[in-house]
């Protein structure tokens, strides 16, 4: 048998060149996390408000990440029951804070909801809502909401 032996220096040079070529490829494969801005928060809150006022539970749920949100199925059921109980809404919100924490975004808002049941009298709710969001590669999605009972 014939064995070919490369000198140690040639092997090291080949490995160094290979590493230099692979480093930019590895750096490019990491997704870039965009900053979560006040404009992003307002867009999401406007979409939530429009879905509520249009009596569109599916539109409301589009803002939430079903794969990342804990207990999404029970939250979805809660939202559908909420829309059945109150087919008419008026909304108002005041965005208080927008922040980034590692790979998540946070928005705090004072949210006011006036609900009208089919039986008559309107019910007014006010609460400070805390939304936790994650970037899914295309857009910011809500992965948690506190207090969830606001929508019940």
N, C-alpha and C. Protein backbone atom coordinates (compact mmCIF):
# COMPACT_ATOMS: atom_id res chain seq x y z
N UNK A 1 0.82 -1.17 0.00
CA UNK A 1 0.00 0.00 0.00
C UNK A 1 0.87 1.24 0.00
N UNK A 2 0.30 2.22 -0.66
CA UNK A 2 1.02 3.48 -0.75
C UNK A 2 0.28 4.53 0.07
N UNK A 3 0.94 5.11 0.99
CA UNK A 3 0.35 6.15 1.83
C UNK A 3 0.96 7.48 1.46
N UNK A 4 0.08 8.45 1.41
CA UNK A 4 0.54 9.80 1.14
C UNK A 4 0.50 10.57 2.44
N UNK A 5 1.59 11.13 2.82
CA UNK A 5 1.67 11.88 4.07
C UNK A 5 1.89 13.35 3.73
N UNK A 6 0.97 14.18 4.24
CA UNK A 6 1.14 15.61 4.05
C UNK A 6 1.97 16.15 5.20
N UNK A 7 2.80 17.08 4.93
CA UNK A 7 3.55 17.69 6.02
C UNK A 7 2.59 18.37 6.99
N UNK A 8 2.95 18.41 8.24
CA UNK A 8 2.12 18.98 9.30
C UNK A 8 1.75 20.43 8.99
N UNK A 9 2.65 21.20 8.48
CA UNK A 9 2.37 22.60 8.17
C UNK A 9 1.29 22.72 7.10
N UNK A 10 1.28 21.87 6.12
CA UNK A 10 0.27 21.90 5.06
C UNK A 10 -1.11 21.55 5.62
N UNK A 11 -1.17 20.61 6.53
CA UNK A 11 -2.45 20.23 7.15
C UNK A 11 -3.00 21.41 7.96
N UNK A 12 -2.14 22.04 8.71
CA UNK A 12 -2.57 23.18 9.52
C UNK A 12 -3.07 24.33 8.63
N UNK A 13 -2.40 24.57 7.54
CA UNK A 13 -2.81 25.63 6.62
C UNK A 13 -4.17 25.32 6.02
N UNK A 14 -4.38 24.08 5.62
CA UNK A 14 -5.68 23.68 5.05
C UNK A 14 -6.80 23.85 6.08
N UNK A 15 -6.56 23.45 7.32
CA UNK A 15 -7.56 23.61 8.37
C UNK A 15 -7.86 25.09 8.64
N UNK A 16 -6.83 25.92 8.65
CA UNK A 16 -7.02 27.34 8.88
C UNK A 16 -7.86 27.97 7.77
N UNK A 17 -7.58 27.62 6.52
CA UNK A 17 -8.35 28.14 5.39
C UNK A 17 -9.80 27.67 5.48
N UNK A 18 -10.01 26.42 5.83
CA UNK A 18 -11.36 25.87 5.96
C UNK A 18 -12.14 26.62 7.05
N UNK A 19 -11.51 26.88 8.18
CA UNK A 19 -12.16 27.62 9.26
C UNK A 19 -12.52 29.04 8.83
N UNK A 20 -11.61 29.68 8.12
CA UNK A 20 -11.87 31.05 7.65
C UNK A 20 -13.06 31.07 6.70
N UNK A 21 -13.21 30.05 5.89
CA UNK A 21 -14.33 29.98 4.96
C UNK A 21 -15.65 29.66 5.67
N UNK A 22 -15.60 28.90 6.74
CA UNK A 22 -16.82 28.49 7.43
C UNK A 22 -17.36 29.54 8.40
N UNK A 23 -16.52 30.38 8.95
CA UNK A 23 -16.96 31.36 9.95
C UNK A 23 -18.00 32.33 9.38
N UNK A 24 -17.81 32.92 8.20
CA UNK A 24 -18.86 33.82 7.68
C UNK A 24 -20.17 33.09 7.41
N UNK A 25 -20.11 31.85 6.97
CA UNK A 25 -21.34 31.09 6.71
C UNK A 25 -22.10 30.85 8.01
N UNK A 26 -21.40 30.54 9.07
CA UNK A 26 -22.05 30.32 10.37
C UNK A 26 -22.64 31.62 10.90
N UNK A 27 -21.96 32.71 10.71
CA UNK A 27 -22.45 34.00 11.19
C UNK A 27 -23.71 34.42 10.44
N UNK A 28 -23.80 34.12 9.16
CA UNK A 28 -24.95 34.49 8.35
C UNK A 28 -26.17 33.65 8.69
N UNK A 29 -25.99 32.45 9.23
CA UNK A 29 -27.12 31.58 9.50
C UNK A 29 -27.90 32.00 10.74
N UNK A 30 -27.35 32.84 11.59
CA UNK A 30 -28.06 33.31 12.77
C UNK A 30 -29.09 34.36 12.35
N UNK A 31 -30.36 34.15 12.74
CA UNK A 31 -31.36 35.16 12.37
C UNK A 31 -31.13 36.45 13.14
N UNK A 32 -31.34 37.54 12.44
CA UNK A 32 -31.17 38.85 13.06
C UNK A 32 -32.49 39.21 13.73
N UNK A 33 -32.41 39.55 14.99
CA UNK A 33 -33.59 39.93 15.75
C UNK A 33 -33.80 41.44 15.61
N UNK A 34 -34.89 41.85 14.97
CA UNK A 34 -35.11 43.29 14.83
C UNK A 34 -35.53 43.91 16.16
N UNK A 35 -35.29 45.17 16.30
CA UNK A 35 -35.72 45.89 17.50
C UNK A 35 -37.24 45.95 17.51
N UNK A 36 -37.82 45.83 18.68
CA UNK A 36 -39.26 45.99 18.85
C UNK A 36 -39.51 47.46 19.16
N UNK A 37 -40.22 48.12 18.27
CA UNK A 37 -40.40 49.57 18.38
C UNK A 37 -41.80 49.93 18.86
N UNK A 38 -41.96 51.18 19.20
CA UNK A 38 -43.28 51.69 19.58
C UNK A 38 -44.26 51.53 18.42
N UNK A 39 -43.77 51.70 17.20
CA UNK A 39 -44.63 51.52 16.02
C UNK A 39 -45.13 50.08 15.92
N UNK A 40 -44.25 49.11 16.23
CA UNK A 40 -44.67 47.70 16.24
C UNK A 40 -45.78 47.49 17.27
N UNK A 41 -45.58 48.05 18.45
CA UNK A 41 -46.56 47.89 19.53
C UNK A 41 -47.91 48.50 19.14
N UNK A 42 -47.89 49.69 18.58
CA UNK A 42 -49.13 50.36 18.17
C UNK A 42 -49.84 49.56 17.08
N UNK A 43 -49.08 49.03 16.13
CA UNK A 43 -49.68 48.21 15.06
C UNK A 43 -50.39 47.00 15.66
N UNK A 44 -49.73 46.31 16.59
CA UNK A 44 -50.32 45.12 17.21
C UNK A 44 -51.57 45.49 18.01
N UNK A 45 -51.47 46.55 18.81
CA UNK A 45 -52.62 46.98 19.61
C UNK A 45 -53.78 47.46 18.74
N UNK A 46 -53.47 48.15 17.65
CA UNK A 46 -54.53 48.56 16.71
C UNK A 46 -55.22 47.34 16.11
N UNK A 47 -54.44 46.33 15.74
CA UNK A 47 -55.02 45.10 15.18
C UNK A 47 -55.92 44.40 16.21
N UNK A 48 -55.47 44.35 17.46
CA UNK A 48 -56.30 43.74 18.52
C UNK A 48 -57.60 44.52 18.69
N UNK A 49 -57.50 45.84 18.73
CA UNK A 49 -58.69 46.68 18.89
C UNK A 49 -59.66 46.51 17.72
N UNK A 50 -59.13 46.50 16.51
CA UNK A 50 -59.98 46.34 15.33
C UNK A 50 -60.68 44.99 15.33
N UNK A 51 -59.96 43.94 15.72
CA UNK A 51 -60.57 42.61 15.77
C UNK A 51 -61.68 42.56 16.82
N UNK A 52 -61.45 43.18 17.97
CA UNK A 52 -62.48 43.22 19.00
C UNK A 52 -63.71 43.97 18.51
N UNK A 53 -63.51 45.14 17.95
CA UNK A 53 -64.63 45.98 17.52
C UNK A 53 -65.36 45.40 16.31
N UNK A 54 -64.67 44.57 15.52
CA UNK A 54 -65.29 43.92 14.37
C UNK A 54 -65.89 42.57 14.75
N UNK A 55 -65.84 42.22 16.03
CA UNK A 55 -66.32 40.93 16.53
C UNK A 55 -65.68 39.78 15.74
N UNK A 56 -64.36 39.81 15.66
CA UNK A 56 -63.58 38.86 14.87
C UNK A 56 -62.58 38.10 15.77
N UNK A 57 -63.03 37.01 16.41
CA UNK A 57 -62.10 36.29 17.29
C UNK A 57 -60.89 35.71 16.56
N UNK A 58 -61.09 35.26 15.32
CA UNK A 58 -59.95 34.74 14.56
C UNK A 58 -58.93 35.84 14.29
N UNK A 59 -59.40 37.03 13.98
CA UNK A 59 -58.50 38.16 13.77
C UNK A 59 -57.73 38.51 15.03
N UNK A 60 -58.38 38.43 16.18
CA UNK A 60 -57.71 38.69 17.44
C UNK A 60 -56.63 37.63 17.69
N UNK A 61 -56.96 36.37 17.45
CA UNK A 61 -56.03 35.28 17.74
C UNK A 61 -54.83 35.25 16.79
N UNK A 62 -54.93 35.92 15.63
CA UNK A 62 -53.79 35.98 14.70
C UNK A 62 -52.58 36.66 15.32
N UNK A 63 -52.80 37.50 16.31
CA UNK A 63 -51.70 38.22 16.96
C UNK A 63 -50.91 37.32 17.91
N UNK A 64 -51.46 36.15 18.24
CA UNK A 64 -50.85 35.26 19.23
C UNK A 64 -50.15 34.10 18.54
N UNK A 65 -49.05 33.63 19.15
CA UNK A 65 -48.29 32.51 18.61
C UNK A 65 -48.78 31.22 19.26
N UNK A 66 -49.56 30.46 18.51
CA UNK A 66 -50.16 29.24 19.05
C UNK A 66 -49.13 28.21 19.47
N UNK A 67 -47.96 28.21 18.85
CA UNK A 67 -46.94 27.21 19.17
C UNK A 67 -46.11 27.59 20.40
N UNK A 68 -45.96 28.87 20.66
CA UNK A 68 -45.11 29.33 21.76
C UNK A 68 -45.87 29.76 23.01
N UNK A 69 -47.16 30.00 22.87
CA UNK A 69 -47.94 30.50 24.01
C UNK A 69 -48.38 29.34 24.90
N UNK A 70 -48.03 29.39 26.19
CA UNK A 70 -48.49 28.34 27.11
C UNK A 70 -50.02 28.31 27.18
N UNK A 71 -50.58 27.11 27.14
CA UNK A 71 -52.03 26.91 27.25
C UNK A 71 -52.82 27.68 26.19
N UNK A 72 -52.28 27.69 24.98
CA UNK A 72 -52.94 28.43 23.90
C UNK A 72 -54.36 27.92 23.66
N UNK A 73 -54.55 26.60 23.68
CA UNK A 73 -55.87 26.05 23.37
C UNK A 73 -56.94 26.54 24.35
N UNK A 74 -56.62 26.58 25.63
CA UNK A 74 -57.62 27.07 26.59
C UNK A 74 -57.82 28.58 26.42
N UNK A 75 -56.76 29.31 26.06
CA UNK A 75 -56.91 30.75 25.80
C UNK A 75 -57.80 30.97 24.58
N UNK A 76 -57.59 30.18 23.53
CA UNK A 76 -58.43 30.28 22.32
C UNK A 76 -59.90 30.05 22.68
N UNK A 77 -60.17 29.02 23.48
CA UNK A 77 -61.55 28.74 23.89
C UNK A 77 -62.12 29.90 24.71
N UNK A 78 -61.30 30.45 25.58
CA UNK A 78 -61.72 31.60 26.39
C UNK A 78 -62.11 32.78 25.50
N UNK A 79 -61.31 33.03 24.46
CA UNK A 79 -61.60 34.13 23.53
C UNK A 79 -62.91 33.89 22.79
N UNK A 80 -63.11 32.67 22.29
CA UNK A 80 -64.36 32.39 21.57
C UNK A 80 -65.57 32.55 22.49
N UNK A 81 -65.47 32.09 23.73
CA UNK A 81 -66.56 32.26 24.69
C UNK A 81 -66.80 33.73 25.01
N UNK A 82 -65.74 34.49 25.07
CA UNK A 82 -65.82 35.93 25.33
C UNK A 82 -66.60 36.63 24.22
N UNK A 83 -66.32 36.27 22.97
CA UNK A 83 -67.01 36.88 21.84
C UNK A 83 -68.48 36.46 21.78
N UNK A 84 -68.79 35.24 22.24
CA UNK A 84 -70.19 34.80 22.28
C UNK A 84 -70.95 35.59 23.35
N UNK A 85 -70.32 35.77 24.51
CA UNK A 85 -70.98 36.48 25.61
C UNK A 85 -71.16 37.96 25.32
N UNK A 86 -70.21 38.54 24.61
CA UNK A 86 -70.24 39.98 24.33
C UNK A 86 -70.00 40.21 22.84
N UNK A 87 -71.06 40.30 22.06
CA UNK A 87 -70.87 40.47 20.61
C UNK A 87 -70.52 41.90 20.18
N UNK A 88 -70.46 42.83 21.13
CA UNK A 88 -70.18 44.22 20.76
C UNK A 88 -69.17 44.81 21.74
N UNK A 89 -68.12 45.44 21.17
CA UNK A 89 -67.05 46.01 21.98
C UNK A 89 -66.69 47.41 21.50
N UNK A 90 -66.27 48.22 22.43
CA UNK A 90 -65.56 49.47 22.15
C UNK A 90 -64.25 49.39 22.92
N UNK A 91 -63.17 49.83 22.30
CA UNK A 91 -61.85 49.70 22.94
C UNK A 91 -61.13 51.04 22.97
N UNK A 92 -60.23 51.13 23.92
CA UNK A 92 -59.33 52.26 24.02
C UNK A 92 -58.08 51.77 24.74
N UNK A 93 -56.92 52.20 24.28
CA UNK A 93 -55.69 51.81 24.97
C UNK A 93 -54.72 52.98 25.03
N UNK A 94 -53.83 52.88 25.99
CA UNK A 94 -52.73 53.84 26.12
C UNK A 94 -51.46 53.02 26.31
N UNK A 95 -50.56 53.09 25.35
CA UNK A 95 -49.30 52.37 25.43
C UNK A 95 -48.41 53.04 26.46
N UNK A 96 -47.98 52.28 27.46
CA UNK A 96 -47.15 52.83 28.54
C UNK A 96 -45.67 52.57 28.34
N UNK A 97 -45.32 51.36 27.88
CA UNK A 97 -43.90 51.01 27.81
C UNK A 97 -43.67 49.96 26.74
N UNK A 98 -42.53 50.09 26.09
CA UNK A 98 -42.04 49.10 25.13
C UNK A 98 -40.60 48.81 25.51
N UNK A 99 -40.24 47.53 25.59
CA UNK A 99 -38.88 47.17 25.99
C UNK A 99 -38.49 45.85 25.34
N UNK A 100 -37.18 45.62 25.30
CA UNK A 100 -36.63 44.34 24.83
C UNK A 100 -35.93 43.67 26.01
N UNK A 101 -36.13 42.36 26.13
CA UNK A 101 -35.45 41.54 27.14
C UNK A 101 -34.92 40.31 26.42
N UNK A 102 -33.62 40.28 26.18
CA UNK A 102 -32.97 39.18 25.45
C UNK A 102 -33.64 39.00 24.10
N UNK A 103 -34.31 37.85 23.88
CA UNK A 103 -34.92 37.59 22.57
C UNK A 103 -36.43 37.83 22.59
N UNK A 104 -36.90 38.60 23.58
CA UNK A 104 -38.32 38.86 23.72
C UNK A 104 -38.58 40.37 23.77
N UNK A 105 -39.80 40.71 23.46
CA UNK A 105 -40.24 42.10 23.58
C UNK A 105 -41.36 42.16 24.61
N UNK A 106 -41.49 43.31 25.21
CA UNK A 106 -42.49 43.52 26.24
C UNK A 106 -43.24 44.81 25.93
N UNK A 107 -44.55 44.78 26.08
CA UNK A 107 -45.30 46.03 26.01
C UNK A 107 -46.31 46.05 27.14
N UNK A 108 -46.37 47.19 27.79
CA UNK A 108 -47.34 47.44 28.86
C UNK A 108 -48.33 48.47 28.35
N UNK A 109 -49.60 48.22 28.57
CA UNK A 109 -50.62 49.14 28.10
C UNK A 109 -51.77 49.22 29.09
N UNK A 110 -52.33 50.39 29.19
CA UNK A 110 -53.60 50.55 29.91
C UNK A 110 -54.68 50.29 28.87
N UNK A 111 -55.50 49.30 29.13
CA UNK A 111 -56.50 48.89 28.14
C UNK A 111 -57.88 49.05 28.75
N UNK A 112 -58.76 49.65 27.99
CA UNK A 112 -60.15 49.82 28.41
C UNK A 112 -61.05 49.16 27.39
N UNK A 113 -62.00 48.42 27.90
CA UNK A 113 -62.90 47.66 27.04
C UNK A 113 -64.32 47.87 27.54
N UNK A 114 -65.18 48.31 26.64
CA UNK A 114 -66.60 48.40 26.97
C UNK A 114 -67.30 47.29 26.22
N UNK A 115 -67.93 46.41 26.98
CA UNK A 115 -68.60 45.24 26.40
C UNK A 115 -70.11 45.43 26.52
N UNK A 116 -70.82 44.98 25.52
CA UNK A 116 -72.28 45.01 25.60
C UNK A 116 -72.79 43.60 25.33
N UNK A 117 -73.50 43.08 26.32
CA UNK A 117 -74.08 41.74 26.17
C UNK A 117 -75.40 41.85 25.42
N UNK A 118 -75.88 40.74 24.86
CA UNK A 118 -77.17 40.77 24.17
C UNK A 118 -78.32 41.17 25.11
N UNK A 119 -78.14 40.97 26.41
CA UNK A 119 -79.19 41.29 27.37
C UNK A 119 -79.26 42.78 27.71
N UNK A 120 -78.26 43.56 27.35
CA UNK A 120 -78.42 44.97 27.60
C UNK A 120 -77.24 45.76 28.08
N UNK A 121 -77.13 45.98 29.37
CA UNK A 121 -76.24 46.97 29.94
C UNK A 121 -74.77 46.75 29.57
N UNK A 122 -74.09 47.84 29.22
CA UNK A 122 -72.66 47.72 28.93
C UNK A 122 -71.86 47.48 30.21
N UNK A 123 -70.76 46.78 30.04
CA UNK A 123 -69.83 46.51 31.13
C UNK A 123 -68.50 47.13 30.72
N UNK A 124 -67.92 47.91 31.62
CA UNK A 124 -66.64 48.56 31.32
C UNK A 124 -65.55 47.90 32.15
N UNK A 125 -64.46 47.53 31.47
CA UNK A 125 -63.30 46.95 32.15
C UNK A 125 -62.09 47.81 31.86
N UNK A 126 -61.24 47.94 32.87
CA UNK A 126 -59.96 48.63 32.70
C UNK A 126 -58.89 47.81 33.39
N UNK A 127 -57.74 47.69 32.74
CA UNK A 127 -56.63 46.96 33.36
C UNK A 127 -55.33 47.35 32.66
N UNK A 128 -54.24 47.16 33.39
CA UNK A 128 -52.94 47.28 32.75
C UNK A 128 -52.59 45.89 32.24
N UNK A 129 -52.42 45.78 30.93
CA UNK A 129 -52.10 44.50 30.30
C UNK A 129 -50.61 44.45 29.99
N UNK A 130 -50.03 43.30 30.26
CA UNK A 130 -48.61 43.05 29.97
C UNK A 130 -48.54 42.00 28.88
N UNK A 131 -47.99 42.38 27.74
CA UNK A 131 -47.84 41.48 26.60
C UNK A 131 -46.37 41.10 26.46
N UNK A 132 -46.11 39.82 26.30
CA UNK A 132 -44.77 39.31 26.02
C UNK A 132 -44.79 38.80 24.59
N UNK A 133 -43.80 39.21 23.79
CA UNK A 133 -43.79 38.87 22.37
C UNK A 133 -42.47 38.24 21.97
N UNK A 134 -42.51 37.45 20.90
CA UNK A 134 -41.29 36.87 20.31
C UNK A 134 -41.35 37.06 18.80
N UNK A 135 -40.17 37.20 18.23
CA UNK A 135 -40.02 37.32 16.78
C UNK A 135 -40.05 35.91 16.19
N UNK A 136 -40.92 35.65 15.23
CA UNK A 136 -41.02 34.31 14.64
C UNK A 136 -40.28 34.19 13.31
N UNK A 137 -39.45 35.16 13.01
CA UNK A 137 -38.73 35.17 11.74
C UNK A 137 -39.37 36.07 10.70
N UNK A 138 -40.65 36.40 10.91
CA UNK A 138 -41.38 37.27 9.99
C UNK A 138 -42.02 38.46 10.69
N UNK A 139 -42.51 38.20 11.91
CA UNK A 139 -43.22 39.26 12.63
C UNK A 139 -43.21 38.97 14.12
N UNK A 140 -43.56 39.99 14.90
CA UNK A 140 -43.69 39.85 16.34
C UNK A 140 -45.04 39.23 16.64
N UNK A 141 -45.04 38.20 17.50
CA UNK A 141 -46.27 37.52 17.91
C UNK A 141 -46.34 37.50 19.43
N UNK A 142 -47.53 37.60 19.96
CA UNK A 142 -47.74 37.56 21.41
C UNK A 142 -47.61 36.12 21.88
N UNK A 143 -46.77 35.92 22.90
CA UNK A 143 -46.60 34.57 23.48
C UNK A 143 -47.14 34.50 24.90
N UNK A 144 -47.47 35.63 25.48
CA UNK A 144 -48.11 35.61 26.79
C UNK A 144 -48.80 36.95 27.03
N UNK A 145 -49.80 36.90 27.87
CA UNK A 145 -50.62 38.05 28.20
C UNK A 145 -51.00 37.93 29.67
N UNK A 146 -50.87 39.04 30.38
CA UNK A 146 -51.23 39.01 31.79
C UNK A 146 -51.96 40.31 32.14
N UNK A 147 -53.12 40.26 32.71
CA UNK A 147 -53.90 39.08 33.10
C UNK A 147 -54.75 38.57 31.94
N UNK A 148 -54.74 37.28 31.76
CA UNK A 148 -55.55 36.68 30.71
C UNK A 148 -57.04 36.79 31.01
N UNK A 149 -57.37 36.86 32.28
CA UNK A 149 -58.78 36.93 32.69
C UNK A 149 -59.46 38.22 32.21
N UNK A 150 -58.68 39.19 31.75
CA UNK A 150 -59.28 40.42 31.21
C UNK A 150 -60.24 40.09 30.08
N UNK A 151 -59.91 39.06 29.30
CA UNK A 151 -60.75 38.65 28.17
C UNK A 151 -61.63 37.48 28.58
N UNK A 152 -62.42 37.69 29.61
CA UNK A 152 -63.39 36.65 30.02
C UNK A 152 -64.62 37.31 30.61
